[in-house]
Full PDB file with SEQRES, HELIX, SHEET, SSBOND, CRYST1, ORIGX, SCALE, CONECT and MASTER records, all heavy atoms in Angstrom:
SEQRES   1 A   30  ILE ILE MET GLY TYR ARG ASN ALA GLU THR PHE LEU ARG          
SEQRES   2 A   30  ASP GLU PHE GLU GLN ASN GLY GLU VAL TYR ILE SER THR          
SEQRES   3 A   30  GLU ASP GLY SER                                              
HELIX    1 AA1 ARG A   13  GLU A   17  1                                   5    
SHEET    1 AA1 2 ILE A   2  TYR A   5  0                                        
SHEET    2 AA1 2 TYR A  23  THR A  26  1                                        
CRYST1    1.000    1.000    1.000  90.00  90.00  90.00 P 1           1          
ORIGX1      1.000000  0.000000  0.000000        0.00000                         
ORIGX2      0.000000  1.000000  0.000000        0.00000                         
ORIGX3      0.000000  0.000000  1.000000        0.00000                         
SCALE1      1.000000  0.000000  0.000000        0.00000                         
SCALE2      0.000000  1.000000  0.000000        0.00000                         
SCALE3      0.000000  0.000000  1.000000        0.00000                         
ATOM      1  N   ILE A   1      48.813  10.784 -35.869  1.00  0.00           N  
ATOM      2  CA  ILE A   1      48.365  12.055 -35.410  1.00  0.00           C  
ATOM      3  C   ILE A   1      47.339  12.628 -36.419  1.00  0.00           C  
ATOM      4  O   ILE A   1      47.669  12.839 -37.598  1.00  0.00           O  
ATOM      5  CB  ILE A   1      49.594  13.045 -35.344  1.00  0.00           C  
ATOM      6  CG1 ILE A   1      50.620  12.461 -34.366  1.00  0.00           C  
ATOM      7  CG2 ILE A   1      49.128  14.432 -34.904  1.00  0.00           C  
ATOM      8  CD1 ILE A   1      51.993  13.199 -34.434  1.00  0.00           C  
ATOM      9  N   ILE A   2      46.106  12.848 -35.949  1.00  0.00           N  
ATOM     10  CA  ILE A   2      44.991  13.268 -36.774  1.00  0.00           C  
ATOM     11  C   ILE A   2      44.540  14.603 -36.306  1.00  0.00           C  
ATOM     12  O   ILE A   2      44.001  14.744 -35.206  1.00  0.00           O  
ATOM     13  CB  ILE A   2      43.864  12.254 -36.753  1.00  0.00           C  
ATOM     14  CG1 ILE A   2      44.374  10.891 -37.124  1.00  0.00           C  
ATOM     15  CG2 ILE A   2      42.757  12.619 -37.730  1.00  0.00           C  
ATOM     16  CD1 ILE A   2      44.030   9.833 -36.164  1.00  0.00           C  
ATOM     17  N   MET A   3      44.782  15.680 -37.160  1.00  0.00           N  
ATOM     18  CA  MET A   3      44.474  17.040 -36.768  1.00  0.00           C  
ATOM     19  C   MET A   3      43.345  17.642 -37.617  1.00  0.00           C  
ATOM     20  O   MET A   3      43.389  17.486 -38.828  1.00  0.00           O  
ATOM     21  CB  MET A   3      45.756  17.907 -36.902  1.00  0.00           C  
ATOM     22  CG  MET A   3      46.857  17.516 -35.976  1.00  0.00           C  
ATOM     23  SD  MET A   3      46.469  17.890 -34.213  1.00  0.00           S  
ATOM     24  CE  MET A   3      46.356  16.252 -33.539  1.00  0.00           C  
ATOM     25  N   GLY A   4      42.431  18.343 -37.020  1.00  0.00           N  
ATOM     26  CA  GLY A   4      41.357  18.984 -37.710  1.00  0.00           C  
ATOM     27  C   GLY A   4      41.482  20.494 -37.683  1.00  0.00           C  
ATOM     28  O   GLY A   4      41.666  21.084 -36.634  1.00  0.00           O  
ATOM     29  N   TYR A   5      41.410  21.130 -38.887  1.00  0.00           N  
ATOM     30  CA  TYR A   5      41.519  22.585 -39.009  1.00  0.00           C  
ATOM     31  C   TYR A   5      40.351  23.121 -39.826  1.00  0.00           C  
ATOM     32  O   TYR A   5      39.669  22.400 -40.530  1.00  0.00           O  
ATOM     33  CB  TYR A   5      42.833  22.932 -39.725  1.00  0.00           C  
ATOM     34  CG  TYR A   5      44.102  22.524 -39.060  1.00  0.00           C  
ATOM     35  CD1 TYR A   5      44.691  21.289 -39.336  1.00  0.00           C  
ATOM     36  CD2 TYR A   5      44.713  23.320 -38.113  1.00  0.00           C  
ATOM     37  CE1 TYR A   5      45.835  20.906 -38.714  1.00  0.00           C  
ATOM     38  CE2 TYR A   5      45.893  22.950 -37.495  1.00  0.00           C  
ATOM     39  CZ  TYR A   5      46.460  21.735 -37.813  1.00  0.00           C  
ATOM     40  OH  TYR A   5      47.642  21.363 -37.191  1.00  0.00           O  
ATOM     41  N   ARG A   6      40.179  24.461 -39.742  1.00  0.00           N  
ATOM     42  CA  ARG A   6      39.144  25.117 -40.540  1.00  0.00           C  
ATOM     43  C   ARG A   6      39.532  25.157 -42.019  1.00  0.00           C  
ATOM     44  O   ARG A   6      38.705  24.985 -42.910  1.00  0.00           O  
ATOM     45  CB  ARG A   6      38.906  26.519 -40.008  1.00  0.00           C  
ATOM     46  CG  ARG A   6      38.288  26.669 -38.660  1.00  0.00           C  
ATOM     47  CD  ARG A   6      38.184  28.091 -38.260  1.00  0.00           C  
ATOM     48  NE  ARG A   6      37.597  28.260 -36.945  1.00  0.00           N  
ATOM     49  CZ  ARG A   6      37.527  29.393 -36.303  1.00  0.00           C  
ATOM     50  NH1 ARG A   6      38.020  30.510 -36.806  1.00  0.00           N  
ATOM     51  NH2 ARG A   6      36.978  29.457 -35.067  1.00  0.00           N  
ATOM     52  N   ASN A   7      40.850  25.514 -42.241  1.00  0.00           N  
ATOM     53  CA  ASN A   7      41.271  25.772 -43.587  1.00  0.00           C  
ATOM     54  C   ASN A   7      42.782  25.400 -43.716  1.00  0.00           C  
ATOM     55  O   ASN A   7      43.285  24.651 -42.919  1.00  0.00           O  
ATOM     56  CB  ASN A   7      41.030  27.214 -43.987  1.00  0.00           C  
ATOM     57  CG  ASN A   7      41.583  28.189 -42.919  1.00  0.00           C  
ATOM     58  OD1 ASN A   7      42.671  28.002 -42.392  1.00  0.00           O  
ATOM     59  ND2 ASN A   7      40.808  29.266 -42.607  1.00  0.00           N  
ATOM     60  N   ALA A   8      43.440  25.999 -44.715  1.00  0.00           N  
ATOM     61  CA  ALA A   8      44.829  25.640 -45.001  1.00  0.00           C  
ATOM     62  C   ALA A   8      45.845  26.185 -43.982  1.00  0.00           C  
ATOM     63  O   ALA A   8      46.969  25.841 -44.065  1.00  0.00           O  
ATOM     64  CB  ALA A   8      45.202  26.159 -46.407  1.00  0.00           C  
ATOM     65  N   GLU A   9      45.405  26.940 -43.007  1.00  0.00           N  
ATOM     66  CA  GLU A   9      46.307  27.392 -41.961  1.00  0.00           C  
ATOM     67  C   GLU A   9      46.485  26.314 -40.916  1.00  0.00           C  
ATOM     68  O   GLU A   9      45.943  26.359 -39.830  1.00  0.00           O  
ATOM     69  CB  GLU A   9      45.759  28.669 -41.308  1.00  0.00           C  
ATOM     70  CG  GLU A   9      45.922  29.921 -42.210  1.00  0.00           C  
ATOM     71  CD  GLU A   9      45.716  31.230 -41.485  1.00  0.00           C  
ATOM     72  OE1 GLU A   9      44.734  31.315 -40.691  1.00  0.00           O  
ATOM     73  OE2 GLU A   9      46.607  32.106 -41.542  1.00  0.00           O  
ATOM     74  N   THR A  10      47.288  25.320 -41.293  1.00  0.00           N  
ATOM     75  CA  THR A  10      47.481  24.127 -40.482  1.00  0.00           C  
ATOM     76  C   THR A  10      48.640  24.346 -39.515  1.00  0.00           C  
ATOM     77  O   THR A  10      49.752  23.746 -39.640  1.00  0.00           O  
ATOM     78  CB  THR A  10      47.752  22.903 -41.348  1.00  0.00           C  
ATOM     79  OG1 THR A  10      48.795  23.206 -42.262  1.00  0.00           O  
ATOM     80  CG2 THR A  10      46.444  22.554 -42.120  1.00  0.00           C  
ATOM     81  N   PHE A  11      48.415  25.246 -38.518  1.00  0.00           N  
ATOM     82  CA  PHE A  11      49.477  25.598 -37.587  1.00  0.00           C  
ATOM     83  C   PHE A  11      49.980  24.359 -36.831  1.00  0.00           C  
ATOM     84  O   PHE A  11      49.209  23.473 -36.494  1.00  0.00           O  
ATOM     85  CB  PHE A  11      48.995  26.719 -36.641  1.00  0.00           C  
ATOM     86  CG  PHE A  11      47.754  26.383 -35.879  1.00  0.00           C  
ATOM     87  CD1 PHE A  11      47.837  25.824 -34.627  1.00  0.00           C  
ATOM     88  CD2 PHE A  11      46.513  26.654 -36.427  1.00  0.00           C  
ATOM     89  CE1 PHE A  11      46.666  25.546 -33.864  1.00  0.00           C  
ATOM     90  CE2 PHE A  11      45.333  26.319 -35.677  1.00  0.00           C  
ATOM     91  CZ  PHE A  11      45.434  25.805 -34.441  1.00  0.00           C  
ATOM     92  N   LEU A  12      51.243  24.361 -36.586  1.00  0.00           N  
ATOM     93  CA  LEU A  12      51.993  23.324 -35.864  1.00  0.00           C  
ATOM     94  C   LEU A  12      52.211  22.018 -36.653  1.00  0.00           C  
ATOM     95  O   LEU A  12      52.793  21.040 -36.167  1.00  0.00           O  
ATOM     96  CB  LEU A  12      51.342  22.992 -34.504  1.00  0.00           C  
ATOM     97  CG  LEU A  12      51.168  24.109 -33.489  1.00  0.00           C  
ATOM     98  CD1 LEU A  12      50.491  23.632 -32.240  1.00  0.00           C  
ATOM     99  CD2 LEU A  12      52.549  24.703 -33.130  1.00  0.00           C  
ATOM    100  N   ARG A  13      51.754  22.051 -37.938  1.00  0.00           N  
ATOM    101  CA  ARG A  13      51.876  20.830 -38.746  1.00  0.00           C  
ATOM    102  C   ARG A  13      53.309  20.327 -38.840  1.00  0.00           C  
ATOM    103  O   ARG A  13      53.578  19.124 -38.725  1.00  0.00           O  
ATOM    104  CB  ARG A  13      51.261  21.043 -40.116  1.00  0.00           C  
ATOM    105  CG  ARG A  13      51.332  19.841 -41.006  1.00  0.00           C  
ATOM    106  CD  ARG A  13      50.671  20.113 -42.373  1.00  0.00           C  
ATOM    107  NE  ARG A  13      50.732  18.940 -43.219  1.00  0.00           N  
ATOM    108  CZ  ARG A  13      50.183  18.904 -44.426  1.00  0.00           C  
ATOM    109  NH1 ARG A  13      49.498  19.926 -44.913  1.00  0.00           N  
ATOM    110  NH2 ARG A  13      50.274  17.808 -45.144  1.00  0.00           N  
ATOM    111  N   ASP A  14      54.251  21.250 -39.075  1.00  0.00           N  
ATOM    112  CA  ASP A  14      55.669  20.839 -39.256  1.00  0.00           C  
ATOM    113  C   ASP A  14      56.168  20.165 -37.980  1.00  0.00           C  
ATOM    114  O   ASP A  14      56.884  19.134 -38.064  1.00  0.00           O  
ATOM    115  CB  ASP A  14      56.510  22.064 -39.525  1.00  0.00           C  
ATOM    116  CG  ASP A  14      56.287  22.647 -40.942  1.00  0.00           C  
ATOM    117  OD1 ASP A  14      55.607  21.920 -41.756  1.00  0.00           O  
ATOM    118  OD2 ASP A  14      56.709  23.771 -41.178  1.00  0.00           O  
ATOM    119  N   GLU A  15      55.783  20.683 -36.824  1.00  0.00           N  
ATOM    120  CA  GLU A  15      56.247  20.045 -35.564  1.00  0.00           C  
ATOM    121  C   GLU A  15      55.635  18.687 -35.392  1.00  0.00           C  
ATOM    122  O   GLU A  15      56.291  17.717 -34.943  1.00  0.00           O  
ATOM    123  CB  GLU A  15      55.874  20.932 -34.375  1.00  0.00           C  
ATOM    124  CG  GLU A  15      56.676  22.200 -34.294  1.00  0.00           C  
ATOM    125  CD  GLU A  15      55.938  23.415 -34.908  1.00  0.00           C  
ATOM    126  OE1 GLU A  15      55.279  23.260 -35.950  1.00  0.00           O  
ATOM    127  OE2 GLU A  15      56.036  24.498 -34.323  1.00  0.00           O  
ATOM    128  N   PHE A  16      54.361  18.502 -35.795  1.00  0.00           N  
ATOM    129  CA  PHE A  16      53.749  17.215 -35.687  1.00  0.00           C  
ATOM    130  C   PHE A  16      54.376  16.177 -36.576  1.00  0.00           C  
ATOM    131  O   PHE A  16      54.544  15.003 -36.216  1.00  0.00           O  
ATOM    132  CB  PHE A  16      52.234  17.286 -35.958  1.00  0.00           C  
ATOM    133  CG  PHE A  16      51.434  17.801 -34.811  1.00  0.00           C  
ATOM    134  CD1 PHE A  16      50.741  18.968 -34.862  1.00  0.00           C  
ATOM    135  CD2 PHE A  16      51.294  17.028 -33.638  1.00  0.00           C  
ATOM    136  CE1 PHE A  16      49.977  19.433 -33.784  1.00  0.00           C  
ATOM    137  CE2 PHE A  16      50.555  17.479 -32.578  1.00  0.00           C  
ATOM    138  CZ  PHE A  16      49.872  18.664 -32.643  1.00  0.00           C  
ATOM    139  N   GLU A  17      54.735  16.609 -37.763  1.00  0.00           N  
ATOM    140  CA  GLU A  17      55.331  15.683 -38.768  1.00  0.00           C  
ATOM    141  C   GLU A  17      56.688  15.133 -38.312  1.00  0.00           C  
ATOM    142  O   GLU A  17      57.137  14.125 -38.848  1.00  0.00           O  
ATOM    143  CB  GLU A  17      55.427  16.342 -40.125  1.00  0.00           C  
ATOM    144  CG  GLU A  17      54.048  16.535 -40.791  1.00  0.00           C  
ATOM    145  CD  GLU A  17      54.095  17.256 -42.136  1.00  0.00           C  
ATOM    146  OE1 GLU A  17      55.123  17.951 -42.410  1.00  0.00           O  
ATOM    147  OE2 GLU A  17      53.159  17.134 -42.868  1.00  0.00           O  
ATOM    148  N   GLN A  18      57.338  15.798 -37.347  1.00  0.00           N  
ATOM    149  CA  GLN A  18      58.583  15.288 -36.788  1.00  0.00           C  
ATOM    150  C   GLN A  18      58.348  14.253 -35.714  1.00  0.00           C  
ATOM    151  O   GLN A  18      59.303  13.637 -35.207  1.00  0.00           O  
ATOM    152  CB  GLN A  18      59.376  16.474 -36.198  1.00  0.00           C  
ATOM    153  CG  GLN A  18      59.777  17.512 -37.225  1.00  0.00           C  
ATOM    154  CD  GLN A  18      60.351  18.759 -36.545  1.00  0.00           C  
ATOM    155  OE1 GLN A  18      60.891  18.692 -35.416  1.00  0.00           O  
ATOM    156  NE2 GLN A  18      60.298  19.857 -37.237  1.00  0.00           N  
ATOM    157  N   ASN A  19      57.040  14.063 -35.372  1.00  0.00           N  
ATOM    158  CA  ASN A  19      56.764  13.169 -34.199  1.00  0.00           C  
ATOM    159  C   ASN A  19      55.721  12.074 -34.470  1.00  0.00           C  
ATOM    160  O   ASN A  19      55.225  11.506 -33.519  1.00  0.00           O  
ATOM    161  CB  ASN A  19      56.300  14.028 -33.036  1.00  0.00           C  
ATOM    162  CG  ASN A  19      57.355  14.910 -32.462  1.00  0.00           C  
ATOM    163  OD1 ASN A  19      58.227  14.470 -31.697  1.00  0.00           O  
ATOM    164  ND2 ASN A  19      57.359  16.193 -32.818  1.00  0.00           N  
ATOM    165  N   GLY A  20      55.456  11.799 -35.736  1.00  0.00           N  
ATOM    166  CA  GLY A  20      54.524  10.704 -36.003  1.00  0.00           C  
ATOM    167  C   GLY A  20      53.929  10.808 -37.437  1.00  0.00           C  
ATOM    168  O   GLY A  20      54.304  11.690 -38.227  1.00  0.00           O  
ATOM    169  N   GLU A  21      53.030   9.874 -37.744  1.00  0.00           N  
ATOM    170  CA  GLU A  21      52.343   9.964 -39.024  1.00  0.00           C  
ATOM    171  C   GLU A  21      51.207  10.925 -38.937  1.00  0.00           C  
ATOM    172  O   GLU A  21      50.336  10.812 -38.077  1.00  0.00           O  
ATOM    173  CB  GLU A  21      51.761   8.535 -39.378  1.00  0.00           C  
ATOM    174  CG  GLU A  21      52.721   7.441 -39.534  1.00  0.00           C  
ATOM    175  CD  GLU A  21      52.071   6.101 -39.757  1.00  0.00           C  
ATOM    176  OE1 GLU A  21      50.840   6.071 -39.922  1.00  0.00           O  
ATOM    177  OE2 GLU A  21      52.804   5.097 -39.751  1.00  0.00           O  
ATOM    178  N   VAL A  22      51.186  11.958 -39.773  1.00  0.00           N  
ATOM    179  CA  VAL A  22      50.164  13.005 -39.673  1.00  0.00           C  
ATOM    180  C   VAL A  22      49.123  12.939 -40.763  1.00  0.00           C  
ATOM    181  O   VAL A  22      49.451  12.726 -41.937  1.00  0.00           O  
ATOM    182  CB  VAL A  22      50.870  14.401 -39.727  1.00  0.00           C  
ATOM    183  CG1 VAL A  22      49.849  15.538 -39.708  1.00  0.00           C  
ATOM    184  CG2 VAL A  22      51.866  14.539 -38.571  1.00  0.00           C  
ATOM    185  N   TYR A  23      47.880  13.042 -40.335  1.00  0.00           N  
ATOM    186  CA  TYR A  23      46.696  13.076 -41.198  1.00  0.00           C  
ATOM    187  C   TYR A  23      45.927  14.328 -40.893  1.00  0.00           C  
ATOM    188  O   TYR A  23      45.664  14.627 -39.692  1.00  0.00           O  
ATOM    189  CB  TYR A  23      45.841  11.841 -41.035  1.00  0.00           C  
ATOM    190  CG  TYR A  23      46.579  10.535 -41.294  1.00  0.00           C  
ATOM    191  CD1 TYR A  23      47.306   9.931 -40.250  1.00  0.00           C  
ATOM    192  CD2 TYR A  23      46.605   9.951 -42.536  1.00  0.00           C  
ATOM    193  CE1 TYR A  23      48.007   8.722 -40.447  1.00  0.00           C  
ATOM    194  CE2 TYR A  23      47.310   8.750 -42.746  1.00  0.00           C  
ATOM    195  CZ  TYR A  23      48.011   8.164 -41.725  1.00  0.00           C  
ATOM    196  OH  TYR A  23      48.685   6.999 -41.930  1.00  0.00           O  
ATOM    197  N   ILE A  24      45.549  15.060 -41.949  1.00  0.00           N  
ATOM    198  CA  ILE A  24      44.878  16.339 -41.745  1.00  0.00           C  
ATOM    199  C   ILE A  24      43.500  16.327 -42.331  1.00  0.00           C  
ATOM    200  O   ILE A  24      43.266  15.735 -43.396  1.00  0.00           O  
ATOM    201  CB  ILE A  24      45.695  17.472 -42.498  1.00  0.00           C  
ATOM    202  CG1 ILE A  24      47.081  17.559 -41.976  1.00  0.00           C  
ATOM    203  CG2 ILE A  24      44.981  18.826 -42.351  1.00  0.00           C  
ATOM    204  CD1 ILE A  24      47.262  18.089 -40.607  1.00  0.00           C  
ATOM    205  N   SER A  25      42.552  16.921 -41.583  1.00  0.00           N  
ATOM    206  CA  SER A  25      41.239  17.175 -42.162  1.00  0.00           C  
ATOM    207  C   SER A  25      41.000  18.680 -42.095  1.00  0.00           C  
ATOM    208  O   SER A  25      41.427  19.377 -41.138  1.00  0.00           O  
ATOM    209  CB  SER A  25      40.150  16.451 -41.391  1.00  0.00           C  
ATOM    210  OG  SER A  25      39.949  16.964 -40.069  1.00  0.00           O  
ATOM    211  N   THR A  26      40.330  19.203 -43.061  1.00  0.00           N  
ATOM    212  CA  THR A  26      39.954  20.652 -43.096  1.00  0.00           C  
ATOM    213  C   THR A  26      38.481  20.779 -43.451  1.00  0.00           C  
ATOM    214  O   THR A  26      37.936  20.050 -44.310  1.00  0.00           O  
ATOM    215  CB  THR A  26      40.782  21.454 -44.108  1.00  0.00           C  
ATOM    216  OG1 THR A  26      40.792  20.837 -45.394  1.00  0.00           O  
ATOM    217  CG2 THR A  26      42.203  21.619 -43.609  1.00  0.00           C  
ATOM    218  N   GLU A  27      37.802  21.736 -42.811  1.00  0.00           N  
ATOM    219  CA  GLU A  27      36.396  21.930 -43.086  1.00  0.00           C  
ATOM    220  C   GLU A  27      36.131  22.319 -44.544  1.00  0.00           C  
ATOM    221  O   GLU A  27      35.114  21.892 -45.103  1.00  0.00           O  
ATOM    222  CB  GLU A  27      35.868  23.065 -42.146  1.00  0.00           C  
ATOM    223  CG  GLU A  27      35.827  22.635 -40.691  1.00  0.00           C  
ATOM    224  CD  GLU A  27      35.378  23.790 -39.820  1.00  0.00           C  
ATOM    225  OE1 GLU A  27      34.818  24.774 -40.333  1.00  0.00           O  
ATOM    226  OE2 GLU A  27      35.548  23.694 -38.551  1.00  0.00           O  
ATOM    227  N   ASP A  28      37.041  23.095 -45.155  1.00  0.00           N  
ATOM    228  CA  ASP A  28      36.821  23.503 -46.532  1.00  0.00           C  
ATOM    229  C   ASP A  28      37.504  22.623 -47.555  1.00  0.00           C  
ATOM    230  O   ASP A  28      37.436  22.911 -48.751  1.00  0.00           O  
ATOM    231  CB  ASP A  28      37.289  25.001 -46.717  1.00  0.00           C  
ATOM    232  CG  ASP A  28      38.790  25.162 -46.511  1.00  0.00           C  
ATOM    233  OD1 ASP A  28      39.521  24.126 -46.252  1.00  0.00           O  
ATOM    234  OD2 ASP A  28      39.253  26.299 -46.577  1.00  0.00           O  
ATOM    235  N   GLY A  29      38.196  21.577 -47.105  1.00  0.00           N  
ATOM    236  CA  GLY A  29      38.830  20.614 -48.039  1.00  0.00           C  
ATOM    237  C   GLY A  29      40.078  21.132 -48.683  1.00  0.00           C  
ATOM    238  O   GLY A  29      40.622  20.491 -49.594  1.00  0.00           O  
ATOM    239  N   SER A  30      40.665  22.224 -48.133  1.00  0.00           N  
ATOM    240  CA  SER A  30      41.858  22.843 -48.745  1.00  0.00           C  
ATOM    241  C   SER A  30      43.129  21.996 -48.511  1.00  0.00           C  
ATOM    242  O   SER A  30      44.054  22.046 -49.285  1.00  0.00           O  
ATOM    243  CB  SER A  30      42.061  24.235 -48.236  1.00  0.00           C  
ATOM    244  OG  SER A  30      42.126  24.289 -46.825  1.00  0.00           O  
TER     245      SER A  30                                                      
MASTER        0    0    0    1    2    0    0    6  244    1    0    3          
END                                                                             
């Protein structure tokens, strides 16, 4: 699961982590 966000407000991240391997990208690198 690869999710892209603007910043550290990574909404729904907890739910995704219960359902697969999660990788996050953020525009500001936070």
